[in-house]
Amino acid sequence: MRINGGHLKGRSFYPPANKWPTRPTTDISREGLFNILQNILDFESIHMLDLFGGTGAHSYEMISRGCPKTIYVDSFKPAADFVRKTATSFGISNQIEIHIKDYKNFIKHTLLAFDYIFAGPPYPLPGIDQIPDIILGKNLLKSGGLFVLEHNQEHDFSKHARNTQVRKYGETIFSFFQ
């Protein structure tokens, strides 16, 4: 996997994903998403949450493009350990705060609000359809903020009251909420 933009552009990282219960977002899908985000977000001034952080690719992209700090959340300790190690090797460990927690537990206990939230849950995760309402109902998103949920074709959020757009990259779908 590689970082697609910013000061870390071209840097590669090699997660042992064949041993993990994760599904990393492909480089092509992530690049497409960030082409959209660069026209929506001011990376240098936002507070970002990366739920189901997995390999950390989304956090690395955000930091590489100027995001001062990201909050990374994943319940799988080996993934969090990998992200910690990778962030250190990239020299960005002071810009990523790592939480080894279930997303519901994190959401329930956090008092923070974010300008941008990205959630890339495992596709077979039960309850994916409730994630937008859980996040938006907890007021984790600041006024004017953006929430992007990655999912597959088994889920359709186009009729959700706060959905603003849907983008598809092969089997990967990004639903945007505000």
C-alpha atoms as a PDB file:
ATOM      1  CA  MET A   1       0.000   0.000   0.000  1.00  0.00           C
ATOM      2  CA  ARG A   2       1.170   3.547  -0.629  1.00  0.00           C
ATOM      3  CA  ILE A   3       0.321   7.104   0.307  1.00  0.00           C
ATOM      4  CA  ASN A   4      -1.168   8.998  -2.651  1.00  0.00           C
ATOM      5  CA  GLY A   5      -0.611  12.666  -1.783  1.00  0.00           C
ATOM      6  CA  GLY A   6       1.063  15.260   0.404  1.00  0.00           C
ATOM      7  CA  HIS A   7       4.517  15.282   1.942  1.00  0.00           C
ATOM      8  CA  LEU A   8       4.494  11.492   2.459  1.00  0.00           C
ATOM      9  CA  LYS A   9       3.370  10.803  -1.125  1.00  0.00           C
ATOM     10  CA  GLY A  10       4.837   7.593  -2.499  1.00  0.00           C
ATOM     11  CA  ARG A  11       5.759   6.162   0.914  1.00  0.00           C
ATOM     12  CA  SER A  12       4.786   2.507   1.118  1.00  0.00           C
ATOM     13  CA  PHE A  13       3.727   0.386   4.051  1.00  0.00           C
ATOM     14  CA  TYR A  14       3.170  -3.332   4.184  1.00  0.00           C
ATOM     15  CA  PRO A  15       0.558  -4.526   6.675  1.00  0.00           C
ATOM     16  CA  PRO A  16       0.324  -8.256   7.358  1.00  0.00           C
ATOM     17  CA  ALA A  17      -3.290  -8.060   6.195  1.00  0.00           C
ATOM     18  CA  ASN A  18      -3.555 -11.741   5.323  1.00  0.00           C
ATOM     19  CA  LYS A  19      -3.612 -12.426   9.075  1.00  0.00           C
ATOM     20  CA  TRP A  20      -6.073  -9.650   9.960  1.00  0.00           C
ATOM     21  CA  PRO A  21      -9.863  -9.392  10.056  1.00  0.00           C
ATOM     22  CA  THR A  22      -9.587  -6.155   8.051  1.00  0.00           C
ATOM     23  CA  ARG A  23     -10.195  -5.090   4.470  1.00  0.00           C
ATOM     24  CA  PRO A  24      -7.904  -2.206   3.510  1.00  0.00           C
ATOM     25  CA  THR A  25      -9.329   0.422   1.175  1.00  0.00           C
ATOM     26  CA  THR A  26      -7.587   0.041  -2.178  1.00  0.00           C
ATOM     27  CA  ASP A  27      -5.130   2.723  -3.272  1.00  0.00           C
ATOM     28  CA  ILE A  28      -7.347   3.566  -6.275  1.00  0.00           C
ATOM     29  CA  SER A  29     -10.493   4.017  -4.151  1.00  0.00           C
ATOM     30  CA  ARG A  30      -8.610   6.066  -1.541  1.00  0.00           C
ATOM     31  CA  GLU A  31      -7.075   8.247  -4.250  1.00  0.00           C
ATOM     32  CA  GLY A  32     -10.526   8.863  -5.758  1.00  0.00           C
ATOM     33  CA  LEU A  33     -11.938   9.800  -2.362  1.00  0.00           C
ATOM     34  CA  PHE A  34      -9.084  12.195  -1.625  1.00  0.00           C
ATOM     35  CA  ASN A  35      -9.523  13.862  -5.013  1.00  0.00           C
ATOM     36  CA  ILE A  36     -13.026  14.753  -3.810  1.00  0.00           C
ATOM     37  CA  LEU A  37     -11.962  15.667  -0.266  1.00  0.00           C
ATOM     38  CA  GLN A  38      -9.277  18.097  -1.424  1.00  0.00           C
ATOM     39  CA  ASN A  39     -12.059  20.266  -2.874  1.00  0.00           C
ATOM     40  CA  ILE A  40     -14.187  20.066   0.286  1.00  0.00           C
ATOM     41  CA  LEU A  41     -11.801  20.081   3.256  1.00  0.00           C
ATOM     42  CA  ASP A  42      -9.079  22.396   4.460  1.00  0.00           C
ATOM     43  CA  PHE A  43      -6.796  19.587   5.626  1.00  0.00           C
ATOM     44  CA  GLU A  44      -4.577  21.900   7.668  1.00  0.00           C
ATOM     45  CA  SER A  45      -7.352  23.079   9.975  1.00  0.00           C
ATOM     46  CA  ILE A  46      -9.491  20.044  10.719  1.00  0.00           C
ATOM     47  CA  HIS A  47      -9.925  17.615  13.572  1.00  0.00           C
ATOM     48  CA  MET A  48     -10.332  14.109  12.115  1.00  0.00           C
ATOM     49  CA  LEU A  49     -11.636  10.751  13.356  1.00  0.00           C
ATOM     50  CA  ASP A  50     -10.669   7.495  11.615  1.00  0.00           C
ATOM     51  CA  LEU A  51     -13.093   4.782  12.805  1.00  0.00           C
ATOM     52  CA  PHE A  52     -12.268   1.160  11.988  1.00  0.00           C
ATOM     53  CA  GLY A  53      -8.785   2.523  11.241  1.00  0.00           C
ATOM     54  CA  GLY A  54      -7.270  -0.813  10.152  1.00  0.00           C
ATOM     55  CA  THR A  55      -3.907  -0.243   8.470  1.00  0.00           C
ATOM     56  CA  GLY A  56      -4.025   3.500   9.204  1.00  0.00           C
ATOM     57  CA  ALA A  57      -3.972   4.417   5.514  1.00  0.00           C
ATOM     58  CA  HIS A  58      -6.689   7.056   5.864  1.00  0.00           C
ATOM     59  CA  SER A  59      -4.952   8.680   8.832  1.00  0.00           C
ATOM     60  CA  TYR A  60      -1.598   8.695   7.002  1.00  0.00           C
ATOM     61  CA  GLU A  61      -3.202  10.359   3.962  1.00  0.00           C
ATOM     62  CA  MET A  62      -4.807  13.026   6.145  1.00  0.00           C
ATOM     63  CA  ILE A  63      -1.576  13.777   8.000  1.00  0.00           C
ATOM     64  CA  SER A  64       0.420  13.747   4.773  1.00  0.00           C
ATOM     65  CA  ARG A  65      -1.917  16.411   3.376  1.00  0.00           C
ATOM     66  CA  GLY A  66      -1.549  18.674   6.413  1.00  0.00           C
ATOM     67  CA  CYS A  67      -4.054  17.476   9.006  1.00  0.00           C
ATOM     68  CA  PRO A  68      -2.432  18.402  12.325  1.00  0.00           C
ATOM     69  CA  LYS A  69      -3.832  15.421  14.254  1.00  0.00           C
ATOM     70  CA  THR A  70      -5.994  12.370  13.684  1.00  0.00           C
ATOM     71  CA  ILE A  71      -7.758  10.111  16.138  1.00  0.00           C
ATOM     72  CA  TYR A  72      -7.436   6.475  15.035  1.00  0.00           C
ATOM     73  CA  VAL A  73      -9.838   3.880  16.478  1.00  0.00           C
ATOM     74  CA  ASP A  74      -9.731   0.130  15.910  1.00  0.00           C
ATOM     75  CA  SER A  75     -10.547  -2.798  18.198  1.00  0.00           C
ATOM     76  CA  PHE A  76      -7.888  -5.080  16.675  1.00  0.00           C
ATOM     77  CA  LYS A  77      -4.699  -4.618  18.721  1.00  0.00           C
ATOM     78  CA  PRO A  78      -2.269  -5.954  16.063  1.00  0.00           C
ATOM     79  CA  ALA A  79      -3.588  -3.311  13.628  1.00  0.00           C
ATOM     80  CA  ALA A  80      -3.124  -0.548  16.201  1.00  0.00           C
ATOM     81  CA  ASP A  81       0.393  -1.814  16.949  1.00  0.00           C
ATOM     82  CA  PHE A  82       1.174  -1.771  13.221  1.00  0.00           C
ATOM     83  CA  VAL A  83      -0.117   1.811  12.914  1.00  0.00           C
ATOM     84  CA  ARG A  84       1.960   2.901  15.903  1.00  0.00           C
ATOM     85  CA  LYS A  85       5.081   1.353  14.338  1.00  0.00           C
ATOM     86  CA  THR A  86       4.353   2.810  10.884  1.00  0.00           C
ATOM     87  CA  ALA A  87       3.616   6.287  12.273  1.00  0.00           C
ATOM     88  CA  THR A  88       6.956   6.203  14.089  1.00  0.00           C
ATOM     89  CA  SER A  89       8.805   5.169  10.921  1.00  0.00           C
ATOM     90  CA  PHE A  90       7.084   7.990   8.971  1.00  0.00           C
ATOM     91  CA  GLY A  91       7.938  10.514  11.727  1.00  0.00           C
ATOM     92  CA  ILE A  92       4.262  11.342  12.401  1.00  0.00           C
ATOM     93  CA  SER A  93       3.640   9.546  15.695  1.00  0.00           C
ATOM     94  CA  ASN A  94       2.914  12.845  17.461  1.00  0.00           C
ATOM     95  CA  GLN A  95       0.091  13.516  14.967  1.00  0.00           C
ATOM     96  CA  ILE A  96      -1.908  10.330  15.470  1.00  0.00           C
ATOM     97  CA  GLU A  97      -3.714   9.374  18.665  1.00  0.00           C
ATOM     98  CA  ILE A  98      -4.408   5.645  18.758  1.00  0.00           C
ATOM     99  CA  HIS A  99      -7.353   4.064  20.600  1.00  0.00           C
ATOM    100  CA  ILE A 100      -7.766   0.297  20.810  1.00  0.00           C
ATOM    101  CA  LYS A 101     -11.522   0.197  21.283  1.00  0.00           C
ATOM    102  CA  ASP A 102     -14.724  -0.973  19.707  1.00  0.00           C
ATOM    103  CA  TYR A 103     -16.220   1.906  17.713  1.00  0.00           C
ATOM    104  CA  LYS A 104     -19.440   1.938  19.763  1.00  0.00           C
ATOM    105  CA  ASN A 105     -17.472   2.140  23.002  1.00  0.00           C
ATOM    106  CA  PHE A 106     -15.374   5.003  21.638  1.00  0.00           C
ATOM    107  CA  ILE A 107     -18.431   6.902  20.395  1.00  0.00           C
ATOM    108  CA  LYS A 108     -20.274   6.358  23.670  1.00  0.00           C
ATOM    109  CA  HIS A 109     -17.453   7.807  25.780  1.00  0.00           C
ATOM    110  CA  THR A 110     -15.867  10.523  23.672  1.00  0.00           C
ATOM    111  CA  LEU A 111     -16.659  14.154  24.345  1.00  0.00           C
ATOM    112  CA  LEU A 112     -14.938  15.286  21.155  1.00  0.00           C
ATOM    113  CA  ALA A 113     -16.505  16.586  17.953  1.00  0.00           C
ATOM    114  CA  PHE A 114     -14.844  16.355  14.561  1.00  0.00           C
ATOM    115  CA  ASP A 115     -14.714  18.282  11.296  1.00  0.00           C
ATOM    116  CA  TYR A 116     -14.255  15.049   9.349  1.00  0.00           C
ATOM    117  CA  ILE A 117     -15.080  11.444  10.231  1.00  0.00           C
ATOM    118  CA  PHE A 118     -14.172   8.467   8.085  1.00  0.00           C
ATOM    119  CA  ALA A 119     -15.534   4.994   8.869  1.00  0.00           C
ATOM    120  CA  GLY A 120     -14.387   1.974   6.884  1.00  0.00           C
ATOM    121  CA  PRO A 121     -15.951  -0.967   8.739  1.00  0.00           C
ATOM    122  CA  PRO A 122     -15.466  -4.582   7.714  1.00  0.00           C
ATOM    123  CA  TYR A 123     -18.178  -5.261   5.133  1.00  0.00           C
ATOM    124  CA  PRO A 124     -19.659  -8.235   7.021  1.00  0.00           C
ATOM    125  CA  LEU A 125     -19.962  -6.206  10.262  1.00  0.00           C
ATOM    126  CA  PRO A 126     -23.502  -6.502  11.642  1.00  0.00           C
ATOM    127  CA  GLY A 127     -25.231  -3.146  11.996  1.00  0.00           C
ATOM    128  CA  ILE A 128     -23.475  -1.172   9.248  1.00  0.00           C
ATOM    129  CA  ASP A 129     -26.852   0.345   8.378  1.00  0.00           C
ATOM    130  CA  GLN A 130     -27.024   1.963  11.829  1.00  0.00           C
ATOM    131  CA  ILE A 131     -23.548   3.575  11.758  1.00  0.00           C
ATOM    132  CA  PRO A 132     -24.662   6.910  10.201  1.00  0.00           C
ATOM    133  CA  ASP A 133     -27.442   7.358  12.762  1.00  0.00           C
ATOM    134  CA  ILE A 134     -25.146   6.379  15.637  1.00  0.00           C
ATOM    135  CA  ILE A 135     -22.499   8.912  14.579  1.00  0.00           C
ATOM    136  CA  LEU A 136     -24.876  11.697  13.584  1.00  0.00           C
ATOM    137  CA  GLY A 137     -27.100  11.105  16.620  1.00  0.00           C
ATOM    138  CA  LYS A 138     -24.184  11.481  19.039  1.00  0.00           C
ATOM    139  CA  ASN A 139     -23.270  14.874  17.518  1.00  0.00           C
ATOM    140  CA  LEU A 140     -19.707  13.757  16.831  1.00  0.00           C
ATOM    141  CA  LEU A 141     -19.740  15.867  13.685  1.00  0.00           C
ATOM    142  CA  LYS A 142     -19.181  19.591  14.054  1.00  0.00           C
ATOM    143  CA  SER A 143     -21.539  21.983  12.285  1.00  0.00           C
ATOM    144  CA  GLY A 144     -20.584  21.958   8.610  1.00  0.00           C
ATOM    145  CA  GLY A 145     -18.565  18.776   9.118  1.00  0.00           C
ATOM    146  CA  LEU A 146     -18.365  15.770   6.823  1.00  0.00           C
ATOM    147  CA  PHE A 147     -18.816  12.070   7.552  1.00  0.00           C
ATOM    148  CA  VAL A 148     -17.837   9.472   4.930  1.00  0.00           C
ATOM    149  CA  LEU A 149     -18.840   5.825   5.288  1.00  0.00           C
ATOM    150  CA  GLU A 150     -17.173   3.178   3.148  1.00  0.00           C
ATOM    151  CA  HIS A 151     -19.359   0.186   2.303  1.00  0.00           C
ATOM    152  CA  ASN A 152     -20.282  -2.244  -0.441  1.00  0.00           C
ATOM    153  CA  GLN A 153     -23.351  -2.675  -2.666  1.00  0.00           C
ATOM    154  CA  GLU A 154     -25.270  -4.526   0.054  1.00  0.00           C
ATOM    155  CA  HIS A 155     -25.994  -1.158   1.685  1.00  0.00           C
ATOM    156  CA  ASP A 156     -27.710   1.891   0.220  1.00  0.00           C
ATOM    157  CA  PHE A 157     -27.658   5.212   2.061  1.00  0.00           C
ATOM    158  CA  SER A 158     -28.745   7.394  -0.872  1.00  0.00           C
ATOM    159  CA  LYS A 159     -32.156   8.048   0.720  1.00  0.00           C
ATOM    160  CA  HIS A 160     -30.789   8.858   4.198  1.00  0.00           C
ATOM    161  CA  ALA A 161     -31.922  12.359   5.221  1.00  0.00           C
ATOM    162  CA  ARG A 162     -28.342  13.605   5.700  1.00  0.00           C
ATOM    163  CA  ASN A 163     -26.719  11.859   2.721  1.00  0.00           C
ATOM    164  CA  THR A 164     -25.272  14.387   0.268  1.00  0.00           C
ATOM    165  CA  GLN A 165     -23.593  12.155  -2.310  1.00  0.00           C
ATOM    166  CA  VAL A 166     -22.516   8.621  -3.133  1.00  0.00           C
ATOM    167  CA  ARG A 167     -19.379   7.685  -5.061  1.00  0.00           C
ATOM    168  CA  LYS A 168     -18.524   4.231  -6.370  1.00  0.00           C
ATOM    169  CA  TYR A 169     -15.074   2.840  -7.171  1.00  0.00           C
ATOM    170  CA  GLY A 170     -15.436  -0.764  -8.316  1.00  0.00           C
ATOM    171  CA  GLU A 171     -16.922  -2.677  -5.375  1.00  0.00           C
ATOM    172  CA  THR A 172     -16.161   0.179  -2.955  1.00  0.00           C
ATOM    173  CA  ILE A 173     -18.836   2.779  -2.238  1.00  0.00           C
ATOM    174  CA  PHE A 174     -18.392   6.003  -0.271  1.00  0.00           C
ATOM    175  CA  SER A 175     -21.525   7.630   1.159  1.00  0.00           C
ATOM    176  CA  PHE A 176     -21.153  11.245   2.287  1.00  0.00           C
ATOM    177  CA  PHE A 177     -23.192  12.730   5.142  1.00  0.00           C
ATOM    178  CA  GLN A 178     -23.389  16.250   6.564  1.00  0.00           C
END
